[in-house]
């Protein structure tokens, strides 16, 4: 989750905290993630000059390196986990999992 949040803040510096929560479908649970990321020095919260209610989010200097390292680890894990599988089997599995997720969401 940390990587998703940092990636979005890097792509959209100054994004409103509420907008980010809605985009990532996190609601109020984003606050805890942002607290941890701010403590780790990866993001900064700033008040808007126009509306003091929402916080605007900006990447800290270490955010890009954190994202790069994290994505590298994910790529290595993915390559290790998926090695030896046929591409067509992986695509079929992805379609099945996507359909299962869709069905679960319609029941919620």
N, C-alpha and C. Protein backbone atom coordinates (compact mmCIF):
# COMPACT_ATOMS: atom_id res chain seq x y z
N UNK A 1 0.82 -1.18 0.00
CA UNK A 1 0.00 0.00 0.00
C UNK A 1 0.87 1.26 0.00
N UNK A 2 1.97 1.20 0.76
CA UNK A 2 2.86 2.37 0.82
C UNK A 2 3.34 2.77 -0.58
N UNK A 3 3.67 1.77 -1.39
CA UNK A 3 4.17 2.07 -2.74
C UNK A 3 3.12 2.77 -3.58
N UNK A 4 1.87 2.31 -3.48
CA UNK A 4 0.79 2.93 -4.26
C UNK A 4 0.62 4.39 -3.87
N UNK A 5 0.63 4.65 -2.59
CA UNK A 5 0.44 6.02 -2.11
C UNK A 5 1.60 6.90 -2.54
N UNK A 6 2.81 6.44 -2.33
CA UNK A 6 3.98 7.23 -2.72
C UNK A 6 4.00 7.47 -4.22
N UNK A 7 3.66 6.45 -5.01
CA UNK A 7 3.63 6.60 -6.47
C UNK A 7 2.64 7.70 -6.87
N UNK A 8 1.45 7.68 -6.29
CA UNK A 8 0.44 8.69 -6.63
C UNK A 8 0.89 10.09 -6.23
N UNK A 9 1.51 10.21 -5.07
CA UNK A 9 1.97 11.53 -4.62
C UNK A 9 3.10 12.03 -5.52
N UNK A 10 3.97 11.12 -5.97
CA UNK A 10 5.03 11.52 -6.90
C UNK A 10 4.46 11.95 -8.25
N UNK A 11 3.43 11.24 -8.71
CA UNK A 11 2.83 11.56 -10.00
C UNK A 11 2.00 12.84 -9.94
N UNK A 12 1.43 13.12 -8.76
CA UNK A 12 0.54 14.27 -8.62
C UNK A 12 0.87 15.07 -7.37
N UNK A 13 2.03 15.71 -7.35
CA UNK A 13 2.39 16.50 -6.16
C UNK A 13 1.32 17.54 -5.87
N UNK A 14 0.95 17.65 -4.60
CA UNK A 14 -0.08 18.60 -4.21
C UNK A 14 -1.47 18.02 -4.25
N UNK A 15 -1.59 16.70 -4.45
CA UNK A 15 -2.91 16.08 -4.48
C UNK A 15 -3.59 16.23 -3.13
N UNK A 16 -4.86 16.46 -3.15
CA UNK A 16 -5.67 16.59 -1.96
C UNK A 16 -5.78 15.22 -1.29
N UNK A 17 -5.65 15.17 0.02
CA UNK A 17 -5.69 13.91 0.76
C UNK A 17 -7.01 13.18 0.54
N UNK A 18 -8.11 13.88 0.48
CA UNK A 18 -9.42 13.25 0.26
C UNK A 18 -9.51 12.65 -1.14
N UNK A 19 -8.98 13.37 -2.13
CA UNK A 19 -9.00 12.84 -3.50
C UNK A 19 -8.20 11.55 -3.60
N UNK A 20 -7.04 11.53 -2.96
CA UNK A 20 -6.20 10.34 -2.98
C UNK A 20 -6.90 9.17 -2.31
N UNK A 21 -7.55 9.41 -1.19
CA UNK A 21 -8.28 8.34 -0.49
C UNK A 21 -9.38 7.78 -1.38
N UNK A 22 -10.08 8.65 -2.10
CA UNK A 22 -11.14 8.18 -2.99
C UNK A 22 -10.57 7.41 -4.17
N UNK A 23 -9.50 7.90 -4.76
CA UNK A 23 -8.90 7.23 -5.92
C UNK A 23 -8.37 5.84 -5.58
N UNK A 24 -7.80 5.71 -4.38
CA UNK A 24 -7.23 4.42 -3.98
C UNK A 24 -8.24 3.57 -3.21
N UNK A 25 -9.47 4.09 -3.05
CA UNK A 25 -10.55 3.39 -2.36
C UNK A 25 -10.13 3.00 -0.95
N UNK A 26 -9.56 3.96 -0.22
CA UNK A 26 -9.05 3.68 1.12
C UNK A 26 -9.86 4.34 2.23
N UNK A 27 -10.60 5.38 1.92
CA UNK A 27 -11.36 6.05 2.95
C UNK A 27 -10.46 6.57 4.06
N UNK A 28 -10.94 6.43 5.30
CA UNK A 28 -10.20 6.99 6.44
C UNK A 28 -8.96 6.18 6.79
N UNK A 29 -8.82 4.97 6.26
CA UNK A 29 -7.62 4.18 6.56
C UNK A 29 -6.36 4.79 5.95
N UNK A 30 -6.53 5.71 5.00
CA UNK A 30 -5.38 6.38 4.40
C UNK A 30 -4.63 7.22 5.44
N UNK A 31 -5.33 7.74 6.42
CA UNK A 31 -4.70 8.62 7.41
C UNK A 31 -3.56 7.90 8.11
N UNK A 32 -3.76 6.67 8.53
CA UNK A 32 -2.70 5.91 9.19
C UNK A 32 -1.51 5.66 8.28
N UNK A 33 -1.79 5.36 7.01
CA UNK A 33 -0.72 5.15 6.03
C UNK A 33 0.08 6.44 5.86
N UNK A 34 -0.62 7.56 5.74
CA UNK A 34 0.05 8.85 5.57
C UNK A 34 0.87 9.21 6.81
N UNK A 35 0.35 8.90 7.99
CA UNK A 35 1.10 9.16 9.22
C UNK A 35 2.45 8.43 9.18
N UNK A 36 2.41 7.14 8.81
CA UNK A 36 3.63 6.35 8.76
C UNK A 36 4.60 6.85 7.69
N UNK A 37 4.06 7.20 6.52
CA UNK A 37 4.92 7.70 5.44
C UNK A 37 5.55 9.04 5.82
N UNK A 38 4.80 9.88 6.51
CA UNK A 38 5.35 11.17 6.95
C UNK A 38 6.43 10.96 8.01
N UNK A 39 6.19 10.02 8.93
CA UNK A 39 7.19 9.71 9.97
C UNK A 39 8.49 9.19 9.35
N UNK A 40 8.35 8.44 8.25
CA UNK A 40 9.52 7.88 7.57
C UNK A 40 10.18 8.89 6.63
N UNK A 41 9.60 10.08 6.54
CA UNK A 41 10.19 11.13 5.72
C UNK A 41 9.98 10.94 4.23
N UNK A 42 8.87 10.28 3.85
CA UNK A 42 8.61 10.02 2.43
C UNK A 42 7.59 10.96 1.81
N UNK A 43 6.72 11.52 2.63
CA UNK A 43 5.75 12.51 2.14
C UNK A 43 5.67 13.66 3.12
N UNK A 44 5.14 14.77 2.63
CA UNK A 44 4.88 15.94 3.47
C UNK A 44 3.42 16.33 3.31
N UNK A 45 2.80 16.69 4.42
CA UNK A 45 1.43 17.23 4.38
C UNK A 45 1.54 18.74 4.52
N UNK A 46 0.80 19.43 3.66
CA UNK A 46 0.76 20.90 3.74
C UNK A 46 -0.69 21.34 3.65
N UNK A 47 -1.00 22.42 4.35
CA UNK A 47 -2.35 22.97 4.25
C UNK A 47 -2.49 23.77 2.97
N UNK A 48 -3.64 23.68 2.39
CA UNK A 48 -3.96 24.47 1.20
C UNK A 48 -4.08 25.94 1.59
N UNK A 49 -3.60 26.79 0.72
CA UNK A 49 -3.73 28.23 0.97
C UNK A 49 -5.17 28.70 0.77
N UNK A 50 -5.95 27.94 -0.01
CA UNK A 50 -7.31 28.34 -0.35
C UNK A 50 -8.35 27.73 0.58
N UNK A 51 -8.08 26.53 1.08
CA UNK A 51 -9.03 25.82 1.93
C UNK A 51 -8.22 25.05 2.97
N UNK A 52 -8.32 25.45 4.21
CA UNK A 52 -7.46 24.86 5.24
C UNK A 52 -7.90 23.46 5.69
N UNK A 53 -9.05 22.99 5.25
CA UNK A 53 -9.52 21.68 5.70
C UNK A 53 -8.72 20.53 5.12
N UNK A 54 -8.59 20.42 3.81
CA UNK A 54 -7.86 19.26 3.29
C UNK A 54 -6.35 19.48 3.30
N UNK A 55 -5.64 18.41 3.58
CA UNK A 55 -4.18 18.46 3.47
C UNK A 55 -3.78 18.18 2.03
N UNK A 56 -2.75 18.86 1.57
CA UNK A 56 -2.17 18.58 0.26
C UNK A 56 -0.92 17.75 0.50
N UNK A 57 -0.68 16.79 -0.36
CA UNK A 57 0.41 15.86 -0.17
C UNK A 57 1.51 16.09 -1.19
N UNK A 58 2.75 16.11 -0.69
CA UNK A 58 3.92 16.32 -1.55
C UNK A 58 4.97 15.26 -1.24
N UNK A 59 5.69 14.82 -2.26
CA UNK A 59 6.76 13.84 -1.99
C UNK A 59 7.95 14.51 -1.32
N UNK A 60 8.57 13.78 -0.42
CA UNK A 60 9.82 14.23 0.20
C UNK A 60 10.97 13.78 -0.68
N UNK A 61 12.16 14.30 -0.46
CA UNK A 61 13.30 13.93 -1.31
C UNK A 61 13.54 12.42 -1.43
N UNK A 62 13.28 11.65 -0.40
CA UNK A 62 13.55 10.21 -0.46
C UNK A 62 12.45 9.38 -1.11
N UNK A 63 11.36 10.01 -1.51
CA UNK A 63 10.22 9.26 -2.04
C UNK A 63 10.54 8.52 -3.33
N UNK A 64 11.25 9.15 -4.24
CA UNK A 64 11.55 8.53 -5.53
C UNK A 64 12.44 7.30 -5.35
N UNK A 65 13.43 7.40 -4.48
CA UNK A 65 14.32 6.26 -4.21
C UNK A 65 13.55 5.11 -3.56
N UNK A 66 12.67 5.45 -2.61
CA UNK A 66 11.83 4.44 -1.95
C UNK A 66 10.98 3.70 -2.98
N UNK A 67 10.35 4.45 -3.88
CA UNK A 67 9.51 3.84 -4.89
C UNK A 67 10.33 2.96 -5.82
N UNK A 68 11.46 3.44 -6.26
CA UNK A 68 12.32 2.68 -7.16
C UNK A 68 12.76 1.37 -6.52
N UNK A 69 13.21 1.44 -5.28
CA UNK A 69 13.65 0.22 -4.58
C UNK A 69 12.49 -0.75 -4.38
N UNK A 70 11.35 -0.23 -3.97
CA UNK A 70 10.18 -1.07 -3.74
C UNK A 70 9.70 -1.75 -5.01
N UNK A 71 9.66 -1.01 -6.11
CA UNK A 71 9.22 -1.60 -7.37
C UNK A 71 10.23 -2.64 -7.86
N UNK A 72 11.51 -2.42 -7.60
CA UNK A 72 12.52 -3.41 -7.96
C UNK A 72 12.31 -4.71 -7.19
N UNK A 73 12.02 -4.60 -5.92
CA UNK A 73 11.75 -5.79 -5.11
C UNK A 73 10.51 -6.51 -5.61
N UNK A 74 9.47 -5.77 -5.94
CA UNK A 74 8.24 -6.39 -6.45
C UNK A 74 8.49 -7.10 -7.78
N UNK A 75 9.26 -6.49 -8.67
CA UNK A 75 9.56 -7.13 -9.96
C UNK A 75 10.33 -8.43 -9.75
N UNK A 76 11.29 -8.42 -8.83
CA UNK A 76 12.07 -9.63 -8.56
C UNK A 76 11.19 -10.73 -7.97
N UNK A 77 10.31 -10.37 -7.06
CA UNK A 77 9.38 -11.35 -6.48
C UNK A 77 8.45 -11.92 -7.54
N UNK A 78 7.92 -11.03 -8.36
CA UNK A 78 7.01 -11.45 -9.42
C UNK A 78 7.71 -12.41 -10.38
N UNK A 79 8.91 -12.08 -10.78
CA UNK A 79 9.66 -12.95 -11.69
C UNK A 79 9.91 -14.31 -11.06
N UNK A 80 10.25 -14.31 -9.78
CA UNK A 80 10.51 -15.57 -9.08
C UNK A 80 9.24 -16.40 -8.95
N UNK A 81 8.15 -15.76 -8.56
CA UNK A 81 6.88 -16.49 -8.36
C UNK A 81 6.29 -17.01 -9.66
N UNK A 82 6.48 -16.29 -10.75
CA UNK A 82 5.83 -16.66 -12.00
C UNK A 82 6.73 -17.46 -12.94
N UNK A 83 7.97 -17.64 -12.56
CA UNK A 83 8.87 -18.37 -13.46
C UNK A 83 8.39 -19.81 -13.61
N UNK A 84 8.47 -20.31 -14.83
CA UNK A 84 8.07 -21.68 -15.12
C UNK A 84 6.61 -21.84 -15.52
N UNK A 85 5.83 -20.79 -15.38
CA UNK A 85 4.43 -20.87 -15.80
C UNK A 85 4.29 -20.44 -17.26
N UNK A 86 3.40 -21.08 -17.95
CA UNK A 86 3.09 -20.74 -19.34
C UNK A 86 2.32 -19.41 -19.36
N UNK A 87 2.65 -18.54 -20.31
CA UNK A 87 2.02 -17.22 -20.40
C UNK A 87 0.50 -17.35 -20.55
N UNK A 88 0.05 -18.27 -21.34
CA UNK A 88 -1.39 -18.44 -21.55
C UNK A 88 -2.07 -18.88 -20.25
N UNK A 89 -1.44 -19.74 -19.48
CA UNK A 89 -1.99 -20.16 -18.19
C UNK A 89 -2.09 -18.97 -17.23
N UNK A 90 -1.08 -18.14 -17.24
CA UNK A 90 -1.10 -16.95 -16.38
C UNK A 90 -2.23 -16.00 -16.79
N UNK A 91 -2.41 -15.81 -18.08
CA UNK A 91 -3.47 -14.93 -18.56
C UNK A 91 -4.84 -15.47 -18.18
N UNK A 92 -5.03 -16.78 -18.32
CA UNK A 92 -6.30 -17.40 -17.94
C UNK A 92 -6.54 -17.23 -16.45
N UNK A 93 -5.51 -17.46 -15.65
CA UNK A 93 -5.64 -17.30 -14.19
C UNK A 93 -6.00 -15.88 -13.82
N UNK A 94 -5.39 -14.92 -14.49
CA UNK A 94 -5.68 -13.51 -14.23
C UNK A 94 -7.14 -13.19 -14.55
N UNK A 95 -7.63 -13.71 -15.65
CA UNK A 95 -9.04 -13.49 -16.02
C UNK A 95 -9.97 -14.09 -14.97
N UNK A 96 -9.66 -15.30 -14.52
CA UNK A 96 -10.49 -15.95 -13.50
C UNK A 96 -10.47 -15.16 -12.19
N UNK A 97 -9.31 -14.74 -11.75
CA UNK A 97 -9.21 -13.97 -10.53
C UNK A 97 -9.94 -12.63 -10.64
N UNK A 98 -9.83 -12.00 -11.79
CA UNK A 98 -10.53 -10.73 -12.00
C UNK A 98 -12.04 -10.92 -11.91
N UNK A 99 -12.53 -12.00 -12.48
CA UNK A 99 -13.97 -12.30 -12.42
C UNK A 99 -14.40 -12.58 -10.98
N UNK A 100 -13.58 -13.30 -10.23
CA UNK A 100 -13.90 -13.57 -8.82
C UNK A 100 -13.97 -12.27 -8.02
N UNK A 101 -13.04 -11.39 -8.26
CA UNK A 101 -13.03 -10.09 -7.56
C UNK A 101 -14.27 -9.30 -7.92
N UNK A 102 -14.62 -9.29 -9.20
CA UNK A 102 -15.83 -8.57 -9.64
C UNK A 102 -17.06 -9.10 -8.93
N UNK A 103 -17.18 -10.42 -8.84
CA UNK A 103 -18.33 -11.02 -8.17
C UNK A 103 -18.36 -10.69 -6.69
N UNK A 104 -17.20 -10.72 -6.05
CA UNK A 104 -17.15 -10.37 -4.64
C UNK A 104 -17.58 -8.93 -4.40
N UNK A 105 -17.17 -8.04 -5.27
CA UNK A 105 -17.52 -6.63 -5.12
C UNK A 105 -19.01 -6.39 -5.32
N UNK A 106 -19.64 -7.15 -6.18
CA UNK A 106 -21.08 -6.96 -6.40
C UNK A 106 -21.89 -7.47 -5.22
N UNK A 107 -21.33 -8.36 -4.42
CA UNK A 107 -22.01 -8.88 -3.24
C UNK A 107 -21.86 -7.99 -2.02
N UNK A 108 -20.85 -7.16 -2.04
CA UNK A 108 -20.56 -6.33 -0.85
C UNK A 108 -21.51 -5.16 -0.73
